Structure formats: C-alpha cells, structure tokens
C-alpha atoms as a PDB file:
ATOM      1  CA  MET A   1       0.000   0.011  -0.010  1.00  0.00           C
ATOM      2  CA  HIS A   2       3.027   2.309  -0.327  1.00  0.00           C
ATOM      3  CA  GLY A   3       1.974   5.557  -1.967  1.00  0.00           C
ATOM      4  CA  ILE A   4      -1.662   4.579  -1.985  1.00  0.00           C
ATOM      5  CA  VAL A   5      -4.286   6.596  -0.088  1.00  0.00           C
ATOM      6  CA  PRO A   6      -6.973   4.273   1.369  1.00  0.00           C
ATOM      7  CA  ILE A   7     -10.480   5.447   0.535  1.00  0.00           C
ATOM      8  CA  LEU A   8     -12.372   2.286   1.468  1.00  0.00           C
ATOM      9  CA  SER A   9     -11.621   0.341   4.620  1.00  0.00           C
ATOM     10  CA  LEU A  10     -13.041  -2.151   7.095  1.00  0.00           C
ATOM     11  CA  HIS A  11     -11.552  -2.391  10.585  1.00  0.00           C
ATOM     12  CA  ASP A  12     -12.187  -5.663  12.459  1.00  0.00           C
ATOM     13  CA  VAL A  13     -15.638  -5.945  10.915  1.00  0.00           C
ATOM     14  CA  SER A  14     -18.064  -8.775  11.679  1.00  0.00           C
ATOM     15  CA  TYR A  15     -21.565  -9.233  10.341  1.00  0.00           C
ATOM     16  CA  ARG A  16     -24.052 -11.543  11.958  1.00  0.00           C
ATOM     17  CA  ILE A  17     -27.668 -12.532  11.038  1.00  0.00           C
ATOM     18  CA  ASP A  18     -29.831 -14.577  13.411  1.00  0.00           C
ATOM     19  CA  GLY A  19     -26.819 -15.633  15.409  1.00  0.00           C
ATOM     20  CA  LYS A  20     -24.909 -16.766  12.326  1.00  0.00           C
ATOM     21  CA  ASP A  21     -21.594 -15.166  11.396  1.00  0.00           C
ATOM     22  CA  ILE A  22     -21.614 -14.105   7.736  1.00  0.00           C
ATOM     23  CA  LEU A  23     -18.313 -12.206   8.111  1.00  0.00           C
ATOM     24  CA  SER A  24     -15.836 -12.391  10.980  1.00  0.00           C
ATOM     25  CA  ASN A  25     -13.044  -9.950  11.927  1.00  0.00           C
ATOM     26  CA  ILE A  26     -12.448  -8.542   8.449  1.00  0.00           C
ATOM     27  CA  SER A  27      -9.891  -5.796   8.071  1.00  0.00           C
ATOM     28  CA  ILE A  28      -9.117  -4.505   4.540  1.00  0.00           C
ATOM     29  CA  ALA A  29      -8.109  -1.255   2.889  1.00  0.00           C
ATOM     30  CA  ILE A  30      -8.505  -0.246  -0.761  1.00  0.00           C
ATOM     31  CA  GLY A  31      -6.637   2.681  -2.215  1.00  0.00           C
ATOM     32  CA  ARG A  32      -7.630   5.367  -4.705  1.00  0.00           C
ATOM     33  CA  GLY A  33      -7.165   4.187  -8.268  1.00  0.00           C
ATOM     34  CA  GLU A  34      -6.692   0.521  -7.378  1.00  0.00           C
ATOM     35  CA  TYR A  35      -8.238  -2.353  -9.346  1.00  0.00           C
ATOM     36  CA  VAL A  36      -9.034  -5.058  -6.801  1.00  0.00           C
ATOM     37  CA  GLY A  37     -10.857  -8.324  -6.831  1.00  0.00           C
ATOM     38  CA  ILE A  38     -12.849  -9.889  -3.981  1.00  0.00           C
ATOM     39  CA  ILE A  39     -13.074 -13.651  -4.541  1.00  0.00           C
ATOM     40  CA  GLY A  40     -14.226 -16.697  -2.683  1.00  0.00           C
ATOM     41  CA  PRO A  41     -16.886 -19.400  -2.697  1.00  0.00           C
ATOM     42  CA  ASN A  42     -20.624 -18.802  -2.949  1.00  0.00           C
ATOM     43  CA  GLY A  43     -21.841 -17.986   0.526  1.00  0.00           C
ATOM     44  CA  GLY A  44     -18.418 -16.758   1.605  1.00  0.00           C
ATOM     45  CA  GLY A  45     -19.607 -13.241   2.354  1.00  0.00           C
ATOM     46  CA  LYS A  46     -18.426 -11.312  -0.799  1.00  0.00           C
ATOM     47  CA  THR A  47     -21.748  -9.572  -1.539  1.00  0.00           C
ATOM     48  CA  THR A  48     -22.227  -8.832   2.157  1.00  0.00           C
ATOM     49  CA  LEU A  49     -18.837  -7.110   2.259  1.00  0.00           C
ATOM     50  CA  LEU A  50     -19.842  -5.090  -0.780  1.00  0.00           C
ATOM     51  CA  ARG A  51     -23.135  -4.072   0.925  1.00  0.00           C
ATOM     52  CA  LEU A  52     -21.195  -2.914   3.969  1.00  0.00           C
ATOM     53  CA  LEU A  53     -18.927  -0.727   1.848  1.00  0.00           C
ATOM     54  CA  LEU A  54     -21.956   0.658   0.046  1.00  0.00           C
ATOM     55  CA  GLY A  55     -23.696   1.529   3.293  1.00  0.00           C
ATOM     56  CA  LEU A  56     -26.558  -0.857   2.532  1.00  0.00           C
ATOM     57  CA  ALA A  57     -25.850  -2.819   5.726  1.00  0.00           C
ATOM     58  CA  ALA A  58     -24.295  -1.962   9.074  1.00  0.00           C
ATOM     59  CA  PRO A  59     -21.603  -4.142  10.706  1.00  0.00           C
ATOM     60  CA  SER A  60     -22.433  -6.048  13.890  1.00  0.00           C
ATOM     61  CA  HIS A  61     -18.900  -5.210  15.088  1.00  0.00           C
ATOM     62  CA  GLY A  62     -16.098  -2.975  13.871  1.00  0.00           C
ATOM     63  CA  THR A  63     -16.079   0.111  11.662  1.00  0.00           C
ATOM     64  CA  VAL A  64     -16.454   0.795   7.952  1.00  0.00           C
ATOM     65  CA  GLU A  65     -14.812   3.923   6.483  1.00  0.00           C
ATOM     66  CA  VAL A  66     -15.699   5.264   3.043  1.00  0.00           C
ATOM     67  CA  LYS A  67     -13.871   8.445   2.133  1.00  0.00           C
ATOM     68  CA  VAL A  68     -15.872   9.002  -1.016  1.00  0.00           C
ATOM     69  CA  PRO A  69     -19.229  10.804  -1.256  1.00  0.00           C
ATOM     70  CA  LYS A  70     -22.161   8.451  -1.983  1.00  0.00           C
ATOM     71  CA  SER A  71     -22.793  10.399  -5.165  1.00  0.00           C
ATOM     72  CA  LYS A  72     -19.341   9.430  -6.348  1.00  0.00           C
ATOM     73  CA  ILE A  73     -19.934   5.654  -6.025  1.00  0.00           C
ATOM     74  CA  GLY A  74     -21.108   3.607  -8.995  1.00  0.00           C
ATOM     75  CA  TYR A  75     -22.653   0.207  -8.370  1.00  0.00           C
ATOM     76  CA  VAL A  76     -23.607  -2.550 -10.788  1.00  0.00           C
ATOM     77  CA  PRO A  77     -25.370  -5.216  -8.691  1.00  0.00           C
ATOM     78  CA  GLN A  78     -25.454  -8.950  -9.297  1.00  0.00           C
ATOM     79  CA  ARG A  79     -27.790 -10.048 -12.101  1.00  0.00           C
ATOM     80  CA  SER A  80     -28.446  -6.407 -13.137  1.00  0.00           C
ATOM     81  CA  SER A  81     -28.122  -7.449 -16.771  1.00  0.00           C
ATOM     82  CA  SER A  82     -30.691 -10.253 -16.698  1.00  0.00           C
ATOM     83  CA  GLY A  83     -33.822  -8.125 -16.820  1.00  0.00           C
ATOM     84  CA  GLU A  84     -37.155  -8.981 -18.485  1.00  0.00           C
ATOM     85  CA  VAL A  85     -37.136  -8.733 -22.273  1.00  0.00           C
ATOM     86  CA  THR A  86     -40.368  -6.734 -22.082  1.00  0.00           C
ATOM     87  CA  PHE A  87     -38.773  -3.986 -19.967  1.00  0.00           C
ATOM     88  CA  PRO A  88     -39.810  -0.868 -21.966  1.00  0.00           C
ATOM     89  CA  ALA A  89     -36.950   1.573 -21.303  1.00  0.00           C
ATOM     90  CA  THR A  90     -34.335   2.278 -23.990  1.00  0.00           C
ATOM     91  CA  VAL A  91     -30.640   2.027 -23.332  1.00  0.00           C
ATOM     92  CA  ARG A  92     -30.383   5.818 -23.293  1.00  0.00           C
ATOM     93  CA  GLU A  93     -33.208   6.074 -20.767  1.00  0.00           C
ATOM     94  CA  VAL A  94     -31.622   3.519 -18.480  1.00  0.00           C
ATOM     95  CA  ILE A  95     -28.284   5.424 -18.592  1.00  0.00           C
ATOM     96  CA  ALA A  96     -30.016   8.738 -17.898  1.00  0.00           C
ATOM     97  CA  SER A  97     -31.603   7.251 -14.763  1.00  0.00           C
ATOM     98  CA  GLY A  98     -28.090   7.087 -13.192  1.00  0.00           C
ATOM     99  CA  ILE A  99     -27.608  10.861 -13.294  1.00  0.00           C
ATOM    100  CA  PHE A 100     -28.751  12.785 -10.244  1.00  0.00           C
ATOM    101  CA  ASP A 101     -26.637  15.902 -10.293  1.00  0.00           C
ATOM    102  CA  ALA A 102     -26.611  17.218 -13.821  1.00  0.00           C
ATOM    103  CA  LYS A 103     -25.972  20.977 -13.963  1.00  0.00           C
ATOM    104  CA  SER A 104     -28.007  21.372 -17.143  1.00  0.00           C
ATOM    105  CA  MET A 105     -29.642  19.369 -19.944  1.00  0.00           C
ATOM    106  CA  HIS A 106     -26.453  19.857 -21.971  1.00  0.00           C
ATOM    107  CA  ASP A 107     -24.392  18.383 -19.101  1.00  0.00           C
ATOM    108  CA  ARG A 108     -26.830  15.484 -18.816  1.00  0.00           C
ATOM    109  CA  ASP A 109     -26.728  14.739 -22.555  1.00  0.00           C
ATOM    110  CA  HIS A 110     -22.946  15.009 -22.633  1.00  0.00           C
ATOM    111  CA  ARG A 111     -22.607  12.532 -19.790  1.00  0.00           C
ATOM    112  CA  ILE A 112     -24.963  10.066 -21.386  1.00  0.00           C
ATOM    113  CA  HIS A 113     -23.070  10.310 -24.673  1.00  0.00           C
ATOM    114  CA  ASP A 114     -19.712   9.928 -22.954  1.00  0.00           C
ATOM    115  CA  ALA A 115     -20.855   6.910 -20.965  1.00  0.00           C
ATOM    116  CA  MET A 116     -22.209   5.198 -24.126  1.00  0.00           C
ATOM    117  CA  LYS A 117     -19.003   6.021 -26.031  1.00  0.00           C
ATOM    118  CA  THR A 118     -16.794   4.703 -23.224  1.00  0.00           C
ATOM    119  CA  THR A 119     -18.698   1.450 -23.022  1.00  0.00           C
ATOM    120  CA  GLY A 120     -19.015   1.089 -26.774  1.00  0.00           C
ATOM    121  CA  ILE A 121     -22.802   1.046 -26.972  1.00  0.00           C
ATOM    122  CA  ALA A 122     -23.642   4.383 -28.669  1.00  0.00           C
ATOM    123  CA  HIS A 123     -25.223   2.435 -31.529  1.00  0.00           C
ATOM    124  CA  LEU A 124     -27.671   0.797 -29.096  1.00  0.00           C
ATOM    125  CA  ALA A 125     -28.955   4.109 -27.631  1.00  0.00           C
ATOM    126  CA  HIS A 126     -32.529   3.638 -28.854  1.00  0.00           C
ATOM    127  CA  ARG A 127     -32.780  -0.119 -28.424  1.00  0.00           C
ATOM    128  CA  ARG A 128     -34.921  -1.405 -25.611  1.00  0.00           C
ATOM    129  CA  ILE A 129     -32.760  -2.654 -22.789  1.00  0.00           C
ATOM    130  CA  GLY A 130     -34.505  -6.055 -22.617  1.00  0.00           C
ATOM    131  CA  THR A 131     -33.738  -6.866 -26.299  1.00  0.00           C
ATOM    132  CA  LEU A 132     -29.948  -6.810 -25.775  1.00  0.00           C
ATOM    133  CA  SER A 133     -27.612  -9.657 -25.169  1.00  0.00           C
ATOM    134  CA  GLY A 134     -26.315 -10.270 -21.639  1.00  0.00           C
ATOM    135  CA  GLY A 135     -22.992  -8.630 -22.424  1.00  0.00           C
ATOM    136  CA  GLU A 136     -24.636  -5.602 -24.073  1.00  0.00           C
ATOM    137  CA  ARG A 137     -26.970  -5.175 -21.124  1.00  0.00           C
ATOM    138  CA  GLN A 138     -24.066  -5.393 -18.689  1.00  0.00           C
ATOM    139  CA  ARG A 139     -22.215  -2.649 -20.578  1.00  0.00           C
ATOM    140  CA  ALA A 140     -25.406  -0.555 -20.481  1.00  0.00           C
ATOM    141  CA  MET A 141     -25.598  -0.952 -16.695  1.00  0.00           C
ATOM    142  CA  ILE A 142     -21.943   0.023 -16.337  1.00  0.00           C
ATOM    143  CA  ALA A 143     -22.666   3.033 -18.587  1.00  0.00           C
ATOM    144  CA  ARG A 144     -25.488   3.932 -16.228  1.00  0.00           C
ATOM    145  CA  ALA A 145     -23.048   3.894 -13.307  1.00  0.00           C
ATOM    146  CA  LEU A 146     -20.401   5.818 -15.219  1.00  0.00           C
ATOM    147  CA  ALA A 147     -22.854   8.546 -16.167  1.00  0.00           C
ATOM    148  CA  GLY A 148     -22.910   9.528 -12.470  1.00  0.00           C
ATOM    149  CA  ASN A 149     -19.177  10.444 -12.709  1.00  0.00           C
ATOM    150  CA  PRO A 150     -18.072   8.000 -10.001  1.00  0.00           C
ATOM    151  CA  ASP A 151     -14.689   7.819  -8.325  1.00  0.00           C
ATOM    152  CA  VAL A 152     -15.341   4.198  -7.367  1.00  0.00           C
ATOM    153  CA  LEU A 153     -17.014   1.464  -9.340  1.00  0.00           C
ATOM    154  CA  PHE A 154     -18.349  -1.662  -7.648  1.00  0.00           C
ATOM    155  CA  LEU A 155     -19.294  -4.652  -9.765  1.00  0.00           C
ATOM    156  CA  ASP A 156     -20.934  -7.748  -8.221  1.00  0.00           C
ATOM    157  CA  GLU A 157     -20.527 -10.906 -10.324  1.00  0.00           C
ATOM    158  CA  PRO A 158     -20.506  -8.839 -13.564  1.00  0.00           C
ATOM    159  CA  THR A 159     -20.083 -11.810 -15.921  1.00  0.00           C
ATOM    160  CA  SER A 160     -22.951 -13.867 -14.558  1.00  0.00           C
ATOM    161  CA  ALA A 161     -25.163 -13.065 -17.607  1.00  0.00           C
ATOM    162  CA  ILE A 162     -22.346 -13.040 -20.187  1.00  0.00           C
ATOM    163  CA  ASP A 163     -21.595 -16.101 -22.295  1.00  0.00           C
ATOM    164  CA  PRO A 164     -18.138 -17.612 -21.705  1.00  0.00           C
ATOM    165  CA  GLY A 165     -16.915 -16.658 -25.157  1.00  0.00           C
ATOM    166  CA  SER A 166     -17.479 -12.942 -24.469  1.00  0.00           C
ATOM    167  CA  GLN A 167     -16.032 -12.811 -20.971  1.00  0.00           C
ATOM    168  CA  GLU A 168     -12.445 -12.259 -22.023  1.00  0.00           C
ATOM    169  CA  GLU A 169     -13.552  -9.259 -24.107  1.00  0.00           C
ATOM    170  CA  PHE A 170     -15.540  -7.956 -21.159  1.00  0.00           C
ATOM    171  CA  TYR A 171     -12.581  -8.169 -18.798  1.00  0.00           C
ATOM    172  CA  ALA A 172     -10.416  -6.396 -21.353  1.00  0.00           C
ATOM    173  CA  PHE A 173     -13.029  -3.644 -21.490  1.00  0.00           C
ATOM    174  CA  LEU A 174     -12.954  -3.298 -17.678  1.00  0.00           C
ATOM    175  CA  ARG A 175      -9.145  -3.103 -17.671  1.00  0.00           C
ATOM    176  CA  LYS A 176      -9.216  -0.381 -20.315  1.00  0.00           C
ATOM    177  CA  LEU A 177     -11.904   1.498 -18.407  1.00  0.00           C
ATOM    178  CA  HIS A 178      -9.786   1.409 -15.253  1.00  0.00           C
ATOM    179  CA  ASP A 179      -6.611   2.463 -17.025  1.00  0.00           C
ATOM    180  CA  GLU A 180      -8.161   5.370 -18.892  1.00  0.00           C
ATOM    181  CA  LYS A 181     -10.492   6.750 -16.255  1.00  0.00           C
ATOM    182  CA  ARG A 182      -8.226   5.872 -13.255  1.00  0.00           C
ATOM    183  CA  LEU A 183     -11.289   4.702 -11.438  1.00  0.00           C
ATOM    184  CA  THR A 184     -11.048   2.685  -8.279  1.00  0.00           C
ATOM    185  CA  VAL A 185     -12.617  -0.619  -9.411  1.00  0.00           C
ATOM    186  CA  VAL A 186     -13.818  -3.244  -6.956  1.00  0.00           C
ATOM    187  CA  LEU A 187     -14.737  -6.506  -8.751  1.00  0.00           C
ATOM    188  CA  VAL A 188     -16.564  -9.205  -6.790  1.00  0.00           C
ATOM    189  CA  SER A 189     -16.693 -12.719  -8.258  1.00  0.00           C
ATOM    190  CA  HIS A 190     -16.521 -16.430  -7.476  1.00  0.00           C
ATOM    191  CA  ASP A 191     -14.638 -16.878 -10.800  1.00  0.00           C
ATOM    192  CA  THR A 192     -11.304 -17.124  -9.071  1.00  0.00           C
ATOM    193  CA  ASP A 193      -9.039 -17.835 -12.013  1.00  0.00           C
ATOM    194  CA  ALA A 194     -10.502 -15.091 -14.250  1.00  0.00           C
ATOM    195  CA  ILE A 195     -10.297 -12.430 -11.524  1.00  0.00           C
ATOM    196  CA  ALA A 196      -6.767 -13.366 -10.583  1.00  0.00           C
ATOM    197  CA  HIS A 197      -5.633 -12.631 -14.159  1.00  0.00           C
ATOM    198  CA  GLN A 198      -7.309  -9.268 -14.267  1.00  0.00           C
ATOM    199  CA  VAL A 199      -6.857  -7.269 -11.068  1.00  0.00           C
ATOM    200  CA  GLU A 200      -3.848  -5.750  -9.277  1.00  0.00           C
ATOM    201  CA  ARG A 201      -4.675  -7.048  -5.801  1.00  0.00           C
ATOM    202  CA  VAL A 202      -6.957  -9.774  -4.473  1.00  0.00           C
ATOM    203  CA  PHE A 203      -8.881 -10.311  -1.256  1.00  0.00           C
ATOM    204  CA  CYS A 204      -9.985 -13.895  -0.724  1.00  0.00           C
ATOM    205  CA  LEU A 205     -12.993 -14.283   1.596  1.00  0.00           C
ATOM    206  CA  ASN A 206     -14.629 -17.334   3.156  1.00  0.00           C
ATOM    207  CA  ARG A 207     -16.385 -15.641   6.079  1.00  0.00           C
ATOM    208  CA  HIS A 208     -12.883 -14.720   7.256  1.00  0.00           C
ATOM    209  CA  LEU A 209     -10.242 -12.977   5.222  1.00  0.00           C
ATOM    210  CA  VAL A 210      -8.362 -16.068   4.051  1.00  0.00           C
ATOM    211  CA  CYS A 211      -5.508 -14.181   2.309  1.00  0.00           C
ATOM    212  CA  HIS A 212      -4.840 -11.075   0.290  1.00  0.00           C
ATOM    213  CA  GLY A 213      -2.159  -9.573  -1.906  1.00  0.00           C
ATOM    214  CA  HIS A 214      -0.791  -9.873  -5.400  1.00  0.00           C
ATOM    215  CA  PRO A 215      -2.909 -12.276  -7.495  1.00  0.00           C
ATOM    216  CA  ASP A 216      -0.043 -14.769  -8.002  1.00  0.00           C
ATOM    217  CA  ASP A 217       0.641 -14.974  -4.285  1.00  0.00           C
ATOM    218  CA  VAL A 218      -3.051 -15.324  -3.419  1.00  0.00           C
ATOM    219  CA  MET A 219      -3.566 -18.119  -5.952  1.00  0.00           C
ATOM    220  CA  HIS A 220      -0.597 -19.991  -4.494  1.00  0.00           C
ATOM    221  CA  LYS A 221      -1.909 -19.611  -0.964  1.00  0.00           C
ATOM    222  CA  MET A 222      -5.407 -20.681  -2.061  1.00  0.00           C
ATOM    223  CA  GLU A 223      -4.036 -23.909  -3.501  1.00  0.00           C
ATOM    224  CA  HIS A 224      -2.717 -24.809  -0.038  1.00  0.00           C
ATOM    225  CA  TYR A 225      -5.849 -23.528   1.725  1.00  0.00           C
ATOM    226  CA  GLY A 226      -8.103 -25.540  -0.578  1.00  0.00           C
ATOM    227  CA  HIS A 227      -6.203 -28.744   0.149  1.00  0.00           C
END
C-alpha cells in the first residue's frame, strides 16, 4: 500500500444474522485508483462485504470507512443485466436514470453520450434494454453507473449473464476502463481464475479474510488452503 491513499476500509468488521456469522473480523483497505478483486466461494460473504462498503448494511462489530461521497460511487449489482425482455426503457433512458446531479440538460446529454461512447454502446442508444444480449446489457448498466461520474465502481458478479466466449472481451473492457479513467474498481466474483488474471490485488473471503495480496501470491496460498 506504499503511496496509496486508502479510501475504502473495514476495521475488524463482523456481520451476523440470526446468530450466524456471515463475516468475522475482516480488516481490509482499498486505495484510490486501485483495481481489486474480491473472490471466494458462494456464501463466503463477498456480496455482504460489498453491501457494507456501500452503506446498505451496518456491521455487527467494527467500523467501515468510506472516504468517497455516496454520489461518487457507482454500483452494478449482481444479475443487473438479466432483466425482463419486455422492460420498456431504452438504453439511453436507463443510462439517464443514473444521473442525479446534472448541472443542465447539456451536461446530462454529454454525460450520457460519454458513458455510451466509453462502453461502446452508442449504436444501441434507442434499443430497448431487454432486447440486448447479456454482455450488451451489462455494458449498459456500467454506462449507467459511469454517467454519475463515480470515483469508485463496484461490480458484483459482472459476468454472470455473459456467455463464456465474451467474458475475455468484457474483462479487457474493464481493464481499459480502469486504465483510462483511473477509477477505483472493486470487482466481486466467485470466478477465481479469471479475476486473478485481471486485477492488481486480491482479497479472498470465506467468512474470514483467508488471504490477500498480489494475485499470483493469493492463488498460490489458495491452493494450499483448498487442500
């Protein structure tokens, strides 16, 4: 973490529901501009950790610090791209719904255009969101988040509705987005191998923080942990 300013952190955080520990004694810090992955098995607490960072849940113990205004946090929730095909909104309308602080109609239109251009879906502007492929819809939901001019982008299982053949292209798009916008990107997934090849730093959760660090080191540790 040398030279990195933490903007998201959990200090000795536990989260319990009905007497059951979902997360126990988690301490992590994420710096501005980092591209990090949160991995682990289904039920290991990944989405819960994300909800804590988003302020959608409060810890049973410990503290959560988020040094970013809520208006500067973009969030693409799990299964956001698997909507009904009859959903009537167009791609442009969906993206516009992510803007809450436009200074003018010109500013709003510019941000919609920029988000569509960044995600490569300008040609889909007037298509109904439900008629798109899973990958196209996921890009539209990311465009919606980007239109809010976030400093941090959270993505929960972003490839769940994308066919395997398109996932490599999608991850390349996320990497390009991070590099060009210098966003802090927090990518949550159970797809351990894919994430480890994409991000700069990994946190592995299974109710506890199993390990964290450079992807290569984490993968090595996980092999021993898994056996």
